[in-house]
Amino acid sequence: QVQLVESGGGLVQPGGSLRLSCAASGFSFSIYAMSWYRQAPGKARELVASISSNAGSIDYSDSVKGRFTISRDNAKNTVYLQMNSLKPEDTAVYYCHARSPSGYRDYWGQGTQVTVSS
């Protein structure tokens, strides 16, 4: 059974930091590309950051570049998103996503809420 379980979300003040984790099970995590997406109320889901299977390729959306860092630990089947200098516009549900090497299979987590507010 495939599972992607996000954790680490919560309420934080502007300028603060959070670290999201996504624990994967039920598939060959180490060969899958992993990404973080987010969806704010009334908006489309958007790609935040992605990392290749061996972490050799990493990409960020312009809106988070320089503030967020994606990483993975293939020994722990976990992908992380370190979020610094958080802004109110970062408020959203953050989702973990896995994509197979072929691109034909993908999986989603249930999401974790991040709220940036004073």
N, C-alpha and C. Protein backbone atom coordinates (compact mmCIF):
# COMPACT_ATOMS: atom_id res chain seq x y z
N GLN A 1 0.85 -1.20 0.00
CA GLN A 1 0.00 0.00 0.00
C GLN A 1 0.88 1.25 0.00
N VAL A 2 0.68 2.08 -1.01
CA VAL A 2 1.47 3.31 -1.12
C VAL A 2 0.96 4.34 -0.13
N GLN A 3 1.90 4.96 0.57
CA GLN A 3 1.55 6.04 1.49
C GLN A 3 2.59 7.15 1.40
N LEU A 4 2.10 8.38 1.39
CA LEU A 4 2.91 9.57 1.55
C LEU A 4 2.28 10.35 2.70
N VAL A 5 3.01 10.48 3.79
CA VAL A 5 2.46 11.11 4.97
C VAL A 5 3.26 12.36 5.31
N GLU A 6 2.60 13.51 5.13
CA GLU A 6 3.25 14.79 5.43
C GLU A 6 3.08 15.14 6.90
N SER A 7 4.04 15.87 7.41
CA SER A 7 3.97 16.37 8.77
C SER A 7 4.80 17.65 8.87
N GLY A 8 4.61 18.38 9.97
CA GLY A 8 5.41 19.57 10.20
C GLY A 8 4.72 20.89 9.94
N GLY A 9 3.50 20.84 9.43
CA GLY A 9 2.78 22.07 9.18
C GLY A 9 2.31 22.71 10.48
N GLY A 10 1.78 23.92 10.37
CA GLY A 10 1.27 24.60 11.55
C GLY A 10 1.15 26.08 11.33
N LEU A 11 0.98 26.79 12.43
CA LEU A 11 0.85 28.25 12.41
C LEU A 11 2.19 28.87 12.79
N VAL A 12 2.64 29.82 11.98
CA VAL A 12 3.92 30.48 12.24
C VAL A 12 3.79 31.95 11.91
N GLN A 13 4.54 32.78 12.58
CA GLN A 13 4.51 34.22 12.32
C GLN A 13 5.33 34.55 11.07
N PRO A 14 5.00 35.65 10.43
CA PRO A 14 5.82 36.07 9.28
C PRO A 14 7.29 36.19 9.68
N GLY A 15 8.14 35.71 8.80
CA GLY A 15 9.57 35.69 9.08
C GLY A 15 10.04 34.42 9.75
N GLY A 16 9.12 33.59 10.17
CA GLY A 16 9.46 32.37 10.86
C GLY A 16 9.82 31.23 9.91
N SER A 17 10.06 30.06 10.50
CA SER A 17 10.48 28.89 9.74
C SER A 17 9.66 27.67 10.12
N LEU A 18 9.54 26.78 9.17
CA LEU A 18 8.94 25.46 9.39
C LEU A 18 9.70 24.45 8.56
N ARG A 19 9.69 23.21 9.02
CA ARG A 19 10.27 22.12 8.23
C ARG A 19 9.21 21.06 8.03
N LEU A 20 8.85 20.86 6.78
CA LEU A 20 7.90 19.82 6.43
C LEU A 20 8.64 18.52 6.13
N SER A 21 8.01 17.41 6.49
CA SER A 21 8.54 16.09 6.18
C SER A 21 7.48 15.29 5.45
N CYS A 22 7.92 14.40 4.61
CA CYS A 22 7.01 13.49 3.90
C CYS A 22 7.63 12.10 3.96
N ALA A 23 7.00 11.22 4.72
CA ALA A 23 7.47 9.85 4.85
C ALA A 23 6.76 8.97 3.84
N ALA A 24 7.54 8.26 3.05
CA ALA A 24 6.99 7.43 1.98
C ALA A 24 7.11 5.95 2.30
N SER A 25 6.16 5.18 1.81
CA SER A 25 6.21 3.74 1.95
C SER A 25 5.39 3.09 0.85
N GLY A 26 5.70 1.83 0.56
CA GLY A 26 4.92 1.08 -0.40
C GLY A 26 5.38 1.18 -1.84
N PHE A 27 6.47 1.88 -2.09
CA PHE A 27 7.04 1.95 -3.44
C PHE A 27 8.53 2.22 -3.32
N SER A 28 9.22 2.14 -4.45
CA SER A 28 10.68 2.29 -4.45
C SER A 28 11.07 3.76 -4.41
N PHE A 29 11.03 4.31 -3.22
CA PHE A 29 11.23 5.74 -3.02
C PHE A 29 12.50 6.24 -3.70
N SER A 30 13.58 5.52 -3.61
CA SER A 30 14.89 6.02 -4.03
C SER A 30 14.98 6.27 -5.53
N ILE A 31 14.06 5.73 -6.33
CA ILE A 31 14.13 5.94 -7.78
C ILE A 31 13.07 6.94 -8.26
N TYR A 32 12.27 7.44 -7.33
CA TYR A 32 11.21 8.38 -7.68
C TYR A 32 11.67 9.82 -7.50
N ALA A 33 11.29 10.68 -8.43
CA ALA A 33 11.43 12.11 -8.23
C ALA A 33 10.36 12.57 -7.25
N MET A 34 10.73 13.49 -6.39
CA MET A 34 9.80 13.96 -5.36
C MET A 34 9.60 15.46 -5.49
N SER A 35 8.42 15.90 -5.17
CA SER A 35 8.11 17.32 -5.25
C SER A 35 7.21 17.73 -4.09
N TRP A 36 7.22 19.01 -3.85
CA TRP A 36 6.26 19.65 -2.95
C TRP A 36 5.41 20.61 -3.78
N TYR A 37 4.11 20.50 -3.60
CA TYR A 37 3.15 21.42 -4.20
C TYR A 37 2.42 22.13 -3.06
N ARG A 38 1.74 23.21 -3.42
CA ARG A 38 0.88 23.86 -2.44
C ARG A 38 -0.37 24.39 -3.13
N GLN A 39 -1.41 24.52 -2.33
CA GLN A 39 -2.67 25.06 -2.84
C GLN A 39 -3.28 25.98 -1.80
N ALA A 40 -3.40 27.23 -2.18
CA ALA A 40 -4.04 28.22 -1.32
C ALA A 40 -5.54 28.26 -1.63
N PRO A 41 -6.35 28.72 -0.69
CA PRO A 41 -7.80 28.78 -0.92
C PRO A 41 -8.14 29.57 -2.18
N GLY A 42 -8.94 28.97 -3.04
CA GLY A 42 -9.38 29.65 -4.25
C GLY A 42 -8.36 29.70 -5.36
N LYS A 43 -7.23 29.04 -5.16
CA LYS A 43 -6.16 29.06 -6.17
C LYS A 43 -5.83 27.66 -6.64
N ALA A 44 -5.19 27.59 -7.80
CA ALA A 44 -4.78 26.30 -8.34
C ALA A 44 -3.57 25.77 -7.57
N ARG A 45 -3.43 24.44 -7.60
CA ARG A 45 -2.25 23.84 -6.98
C ARG A 45 -1.02 24.24 -7.79
N GLU A 46 0.04 24.59 -7.09
CA GLU A 46 1.25 25.01 -7.78
C GLU A 46 2.46 24.23 -7.28
N LEU A 47 3.41 24.03 -8.18
CA LEU A 47 4.65 23.36 -7.84
C LEU A 47 5.55 24.32 -7.07
N VAL A 48 6.06 23.86 -5.94
CA VAL A 48 6.93 24.67 -5.09
C VAL A 48 8.39 24.29 -5.31
N ALA A 49 8.68 22.99 -5.23
CA ALA A 49 10.06 22.53 -5.36
C ALA A 49 10.06 21.07 -5.78
N SER A 50 11.11 20.68 -6.49
CA SER A 50 11.23 19.29 -6.90
C SER A 50 12.68 18.85 -6.77
N ILE A 51 12.85 17.55 -6.60
CA ILE A 51 14.19 16.98 -6.43
C ILE A 51 14.23 15.64 -7.13
N SER A 52 15.28 15.40 -7.88
CA SER A 52 15.41 14.13 -8.60
C SER A 52 15.75 13.00 -7.64
N SER A 53 15.74 11.78 -8.16
CA SER A 53 15.90 10.61 -7.30
C SER A 53 17.22 10.62 -6.53
N ASN A 54 18.29 11.09 -7.16
CA ASN A 54 19.60 11.11 -6.49
C ASN A 54 19.98 12.50 -6.00
N ALA A 55 18.99 13.41 -6.01
CA ALA A 55 19.19 14.80 -5.57
C ALA A 55 20.14 15.57 -6.47
N GLY A 56 20.40 15.05 -7.65
CA GLY A 56 21.30 15.75 -8.56
C GLY A 56 20.66 16.92 -9.27
N SER A 57 19.35 16.95 -9.29
CA SER A 57 18.62 18.05 -9.94
C SER A 57 17.57 18.57 -8.98
N ILE A 58 17.61 19.85 -8.71
CA ILE A 58 16.67 20.50 -7.79
C ILE A 58 16.15 21.77 -8.44
N ASP A 59 14.85 21.99 -8.32
CA ASP A 59 14.25 23.19 -8.88
C ASP A 59 13.28 23.81 -7.90
N TYR A 60 13.15 25.12 -8.00
CA TYR A 60 12.23 25.87 -7.13
C TYR A 60 11.39 26.82 -7.97
N SER A 61 10.21 27.11 -7.49
CA SER A 61 9.43 28.17 -8.10
C SER A 61 10.08 29.51 -7.74
N ASP A 62 9.87 30.49 -8.57
CA ASP A 62 10.46 31.80 -8.32
C ASP A 62 10.00 32.39 -6.99
N SER A 63 8.79 32.05 -6.60
CA SER A 63 8.22 32.64 -5.39
C SER A 63 8.88 32.17 -4.10
N VAL A 64 9.57 31.02 -4.16
CA VAL A 64 10.19 30.49 -2.94
C VAL A 64 11.71 30.39 -3.04
N LYS A 65 12.25 30.67 -4.21
CA LYS A 65 13.69 30.53 -4.42
C LYS A 65 14.45 31.41 -3.43
N GLY A 66 15.45 30.81 -2.79
CA GLY A 66 16.24 31.54 -1.80
C GLY A 66 15.70 31.47 -0.39
N ARG A 67 14.46 30.99 -0.26
CA ARG A 67 13.85 30.88 1.08
C ARG A 67 13.57 29.44 1.47
N PHE A 68 13.24 28.61 0.50
CA PHE A 68 12.90 27.20 0.76
C PHE A 68 14.02 26.30 0.26
N THR A 69 14.18 25.16 0.95
CA THR A 69 15.17 24.16 0.53
C THR A 69 14.53 22.79 0.58
N ILE A 70 14.58 22.09 -0.55
CA ILE A 70 14.09 20.72 -0.61
C ILE A 70 15.28 19.77 -0.48
N SER A 71 15.06 18.67 0.23
CA SER A 71 16.11 17.66 0.38
C SER A 71 15.45 16.31 0.57
N ARG A 72 16.24 15.27 0.47
CA ARG A 72 15.70 13.93 0.66
C ARG A 72 16.74 13.04 1.33
N ASP A 73 16.23 12.03 2.02
CA ASP A 73 17.06 11.00 2.64
C ASP A 73 16.53 9.67 2.15
N ASN A 74 17.19 9.10 1.18
CA ASN A 74 16.71 7.84 0.59
C ASN A 74 16.80 6.67 1.57
N ALA A 75 17.68 6.76 2.54
CA ALA A 75 17.77 5.70 3.55
C ALA A 75 16.56 5.72 4.48
N LYS A 76 15.94 6.89 4.62
CA LYS A 76 14.77 7.02 5.49
C LYS A 76 13.48 7.15 4.71
N ASN A 77 13.57 7.08 3.38
CA ASN A 77 12.37 7.22 2.53
C ASN A 77 11.59 8.49 2.87
N THR A 78 12.32 9.57 3.00
CA THR A 78 11.71 10.82 3.44
C THR A 78 12.23 11.99 2.60
N VAL A 79 11.31 12.89 2.28
CA VAL A 79 11.67 14.14 1.62
C VAL A 79 11.27 15.28 2.54
N TYR A 80 12.06 16.34 2.50
CA TYR A 80 11.87 17.46 3.41
C TYR A 80 11.69 18.77 2.62
N LEU A 81 11.06 19.72 3.29
CA LEU A 81 11.00 21.07 2.75
C LEU A 81 11.27 22.03 3.92
N GLN A 82 12.44 22.62 3.91
CA GLN A 82 12.79 23.63 4.91
C GLN A 82 12.31 24.97 4.40
N MET A 83 11.47 25.63 5.17
CA MET A 83 10.87 26.89 4.75
C MET A 83 11.31 27.99 5.72
N ASN A 84 12.03 28.95 5.21
CA ASN A 84 12.51 30.08 6.01
C ASN A 84 11.91 31.38 5.50
N SER A 85 12.00 32.40 6.32
CA SER A 85 11.49 33.73 5.95
C SER A 85 10.07 33.65 5.41
N LEU A 86 9.24 32.96 6.11
CA LEU A 86 7.88 32.71 5.64
C LEU A 86 7.07 34.00 5.56
N LYS A 87 6.21 34.05 4.54
CA LYS A 87 5.37 35.21 4.29
C LYS A 87 3.90 34.78 4.35
N PRO A 88 3.00 35.72 4.61
CA PRO A 88 1.57 35.36 4.62
C PRO A 88 1.13 34.69 3.32
N GLU A 89 1.72 35.07 2.21
CA GLU A 89 1.32 34.47 0.93
C GLU A 89 1.81 33.03 0.78
N ASP A 90 2.60 32.53 1.72
CA ASP A 90 2.98 31.12 1.71
C ASP A 90 1.91 30.24 2.35
N THR A 91 0.89 30.86 2.91
CA THR A 91 -0.19 30.11 3.53
C THR A 91 -0.89 29.24 2.50
N ALA A 92 -0.96 27.95 2.79
CA ALA A 92 -1.54 26.99 1.84
C ALA A 92 -1.51 25.60 2.47
N VAL A 93 -2.18 24.67 1.81
CA VAL A 93 -1.98 23.26 2.11
C VAL A 93 -0.83 22.77 1.24
N TYR A 94 0.13 22.15 1.87
CA TYR A 94 1.32 21.67 1.17
C TYR A 94 1.22 20.15 0.98
N TYR A 95 1.45 19.73 -0.27
CA TYR A 95 1.32 18.34 -0.64
C TYR A 95 2.65 17.76 -1.11
N CYS A 96 2.89 16.55 -0.74
CA CYS A 96 4.03 15.78 -1.20
C CYS A 96 3.61 14.98 -2.44
N HIS A 97 4.48 14.90 -3.42
CA HIS A 97 4.16 14.19 -4.66
C HIS A 97 5.35 13.34 -5.09
N ALA A 98 5.05 12.14 -5.56
CA ALA A 98 6.08 11.23 -6.07
C ALA A 98 5.77 10.89 -7.52
N ARG A 99 6.80 10.89 -8.35
CA ARG A 99 6.64 10.54 -9.77
C ARG A 99 7.65 9.48 -10.14
N SER A 100 7.14 8.43 -10.81
CA SER A 100 8.00 7.31 -11.20
C SER A 100 8.97 7.74 -12.30
N PRO A 101 10.04 6.98 -12.50
CA PRO A 101 11.01 7.32 -13.55
C PRO A 101 10.36 7.41 -14.93
N SER A 102 9.39 6.57 -15.19
CA SER A 102 8.71 6.58 -16.49
C SER A 102 7.75 7.74 -16.61
N GLY A 103 7.34 8.29 -15.48
CA GLY A 103 6.35 9.35 -15.48
C GLY A 103 4.92 8.87 -15.53
N TYR A 104 4.74 7.55 -15.60
CA TYR A 104 3.39 7.02 -15.73
C TYR A 104 2.69 6.78 -14.40
N ARG A 105 3.47 6.77 -13.31
CA ARG A 105 2.86 6.59 -12.00
C ARG A 105 3.19 7.78 -11.13
N ASP A 106 2.19 8.21 -10.39
CA ASP A 106 2.47 9.24 -9.41
C ASP A 106 1.53 9.09 -8.22
N TYR A 107 1.98 9.61 -7.10
CA TYR A 107 1.26 9.48 -5.85
C TYR A 107 1.24 10.83 -5.12
N TRP A 108 0.18 11.03 -4.36
CA TRP A 108 0.01 12.27 -3.59
C TRP A 108 -0.19 11.96 -2.11
N GLY A 109 0.33 12.85 -1.28
CA GLY A 109 0.02 12.79 0.13
C GLY A 109 -1.30 13.49 0.42
N GLN A 110 -1.69 13.47 1.68
CA GLN A 110 -2.98 14.04 2.06
C GLN A 110 -2.90 15.54 2.31
N GLY A 111 -1.69 16.07 2.43
CA GLY A 111 -1.50 17.50 2.63
C GLY A 111 -1.34 17.88 4.09
N THR A 112 -0.62 18.97 4.30
CA THR A 112 -0.45 19.53 5.64
C THR A 112 -0.62 21.05 5.55
N GLN A 113 -1.36 21.60 6.48
CA GLN A 113 -1.68 23.03 6.44
C GLN A 113 -0.53 23.86 6.99
N VAL A 114 -0.16 24.88 6.25
CA VAL A 114 0.80 25.88 6.71
C VAL A 114 0.10 27.23 6.71
N THR A 115 0.09 27.87 7.86
CA THR A 115 -0.53 29.18 7.99
C THR A 115 0.49 30.17 8.52
N VAL A 116 0.70 31.25 7.77
CA VAL A 116 1.65 32.29 8.16
C VAL A 116 0.85 33.54 8.50
N SER A 117 0.82 33.85 9.78
CA SER A 117 0.00 34.97 10.23
C SER A 117 0.50 35.48 11.57
N SER A 118 0.34 36.77 11.77
CA SER A 118 0.69 37.35 13.07
C SER A 118 -0.53 37.41 13.98
